[in-house]
Amino acid sequence: MKRFPFVLTLFFCVLLLASFSIKSFSEEGQSVAYDRWKKIAWGALEDKFKGSELTEYKYIGRTEVNKEQTKDVFRVTVKRNNETYSAHAEVYFDPLTKNIIAINVFRL
């Protein structure tokens, strides 16, 4: 009976360490996925706004559209001919296969 508090404490310590490693692993996986969509969005923005200066590139967030589609949204500031405005790039992809479904780029 004297060993019970020790065993219980040890169990919670192991559980705590396991939860940290799982969280770290999932964040690393998201970072790799985010980098892929970031490069695709940046390329689409450069194509749409050729000859413009693109600054303040920012990741807005991820939205699950439905079970087959997830959307990552990126915003950039566009400077062209003394005019400055914001633009969005939306990258739609299948969360299971990681295949691109669509890329939408538009001025805000």
Protein backbone atom coordinates (compact mmCIF):
# COMPACT_ATOMS: atom_id res chain seq x y z
CA MET A 1 0.00 0.00 0.00
CA LYS A 2 2.96 2.32 0.58
CA ARG A 3 4.01 1.92 -3.05
CA PHE A 4 0.64 3.05 -4.44
CA PRO A 5 1.35 6.85 -4.29
CA PHE A 6 4.75 6.30 -5.93
CA VAL A 7 3.27 4.18 -8.73
CA LEU A 8 0.46 6.68 -9.27
CA THR A 9 2.92 9.60 -9.46
CA LEU A 10 5.14 7.68 -11.85
CA PHE A 11 2.14 6.87 -14.06
CA PHE A 12 1.12 10.55 -14.34
CA CYS A 13 4.70 11.60 -15.13
CA VAL A 14 4.90 9.09 -17.97
CA LEU A 15 1.49 10.20 -19.24
CA LEU A 16 2.59 13.85 -19.16
CA LEU A 17 5.79 13.12 -21.11
CA ALA A 18 3.87 11.11 -23.69
CA SER A 19 1.41 13.95 -24.26
CA PHE A 20 4.27 16.43 -24.88
CA SER A 21 5.88 14.19 -27.47
CA ILE A 22 2.58 13.61 -29.27
CA LYS A 23 1.88 17.35 -29.40
CA SER A 24 5.36 18.06 -30.75
CA PHE A 25 4.99 15.40 -33.45
CA SER A 26 1.60 16.72 -34.63
CA GLU A 27 2.83 20.33 -34.76
CA GLU A 28 5.83 19.24 -36.83
CA GLY A 29 3.54 17.47 -39.31
CA GLN A 30 1.34 20.54 -39.64
CA SER A 31 4.38 22.73 -40.21
CA VAL A 32 5.51 20.57 -43.14
CA ALA A 33 2.00 20.66 -44.64
CA TYR A 34 1.75 24.41 -44.07
CA ASP A 35 5.06 24.97 -45.89
CA ARG A 36 3.81 23.06 -48.93
CA TRP A 37 0.60 25.11 -49.22
CA LYS A 38 2.50 28.33 -48.50
CA LYS A 39 4.78 27.76 -51.51
CA ILE A 40 1.82 26.95 -53.75
CA ALA A 41 -0.12 30.03 -52.60
CA TRP A 42 2.92 32.28 -53.06
CA GLY A 43 3.41 31.02 -56.62
CA ALA A 44 -0.26 31.67 -57.44
CA LEU A 45 -0.05 35.20 -55.98
CA GLU A 46 3.10 35.95 -58.00
CA ASP A 47 1.38 34.75 -61.20
CA LYS A 48 -1.75 36.80 -60.55
CA PHE A 49 0.08 40.01 -59.61
CA LYS A 50 3.10 39.95 -61.97
CA GLY A 51 5.24 43.06 -61.77
CA SER A 52 3.86 44.00 -58.36
CA GLU A 53 5.67 44.10 -55.05
CA LEU A 54 4.25 41.53 -52.63
CA THR A 55 4.84 42.20 -48.93
CA GLU A 56 3.44 41.30 -45.51
CA TYR A 57 2.77 37.68 -46.40
CA LYS A 58 0.68 36.14 -43.64
CA TYR A 59 -0.95 32.78 -42.94
CA ILE A 60 -4.57 33.45 -41.96
CA GLY A 61 -5.62 29.94 -41.01
CA ARG A 62 -7.07 26.57 -41.88
CA THR A 63 -10.76 25.68 -42.27
CA GLU A 64 -12.28 22.25 -42.76
CA VAL A 65 -14.81 22.82 -45.55
CA ASN A 66 -16.10 19.23 -45.42
CA LYS A 67 -14.64 15.73 -45.03
CA GLU A 68 -13.07 15.85 -48.49
CA GLN A 69 -11.85 19.48 -48.48
CA THR A 70 -9.69 21.66 -46.27
CA LYS A 71 -8.82 25.28 -47.03
CA ASP A 72 -5.66 27.21 -46.07
CA VAL A 73 -5.87 30.99 -46.50
CA PHE A 74 -2.94 33.37 -47.00
CA ARG A 75 -2.98 37.17 -47.23
CA VAL A 76 -0.46 39.49 -48.87
CA THR A 77 -0.16 43.21 -49.45
CA VAL A 78 0.19 44.14 -53.13
CA LYS A 79 1.90 47.36 -54.26
CA ARG A 80 1.40 48.31 -57.91
CA ASN A 81 1.66 51.73 -59.57
CA ASN A 82 1.31 53.80 -56.35
CA GLU A 83 -1.66 51.65 -55.28
CA THR A 84 -1.62 49.34 -52.24
CA TYR A 85 -4.22 46.71 -51.48
CA SER A 86 -4.61 43.29 -49.86
CA ALA A 87 -5.11 40.01 -51.67
CA HIS A 88 -5.98 36.49 -50.55
CA ALA A 89 -4.87 33.10 -51.80
CA GLU A 90 -7.05 30.13 -50.84
CA VAL A 91 -5.63 26.65 -51.32
CA TYR A 92 -8.24 23.86 -51.25
CA PHE A 93 -6.91 20.33 -50.78
CA ASP A 94 -7.98 16.83 -49.80
CA PRO A 95 -6.80 16.30 -46.20
CA LEU A 96 -6.35 12.55 -46.71
CA THR A 97 -4.55 12.40 -50.05
CA LYS A 98 -3.00 15.91 -49.84
CA ASN A 99 -3.98 16.52 -53.47
CA ILE A 100 -4.80 20.07 -54.52
CA ILE A 101 -8.43 20.63 -55.43
CA ALA A 102 -8.37 24.36 -56.30
CA ILE A 103 -6.45 27.59 -55.79
CA ASN A 104 -8.35 30.88 -55.65
CA VAL A 105 -6.52 34.21 -55.73
CA PHE A 106 -8.43 37.48 -55.44
CA ARG A 107 -8.12 41.12 -54.46
CA LEU A 108 -9.82 42.23 -51.27
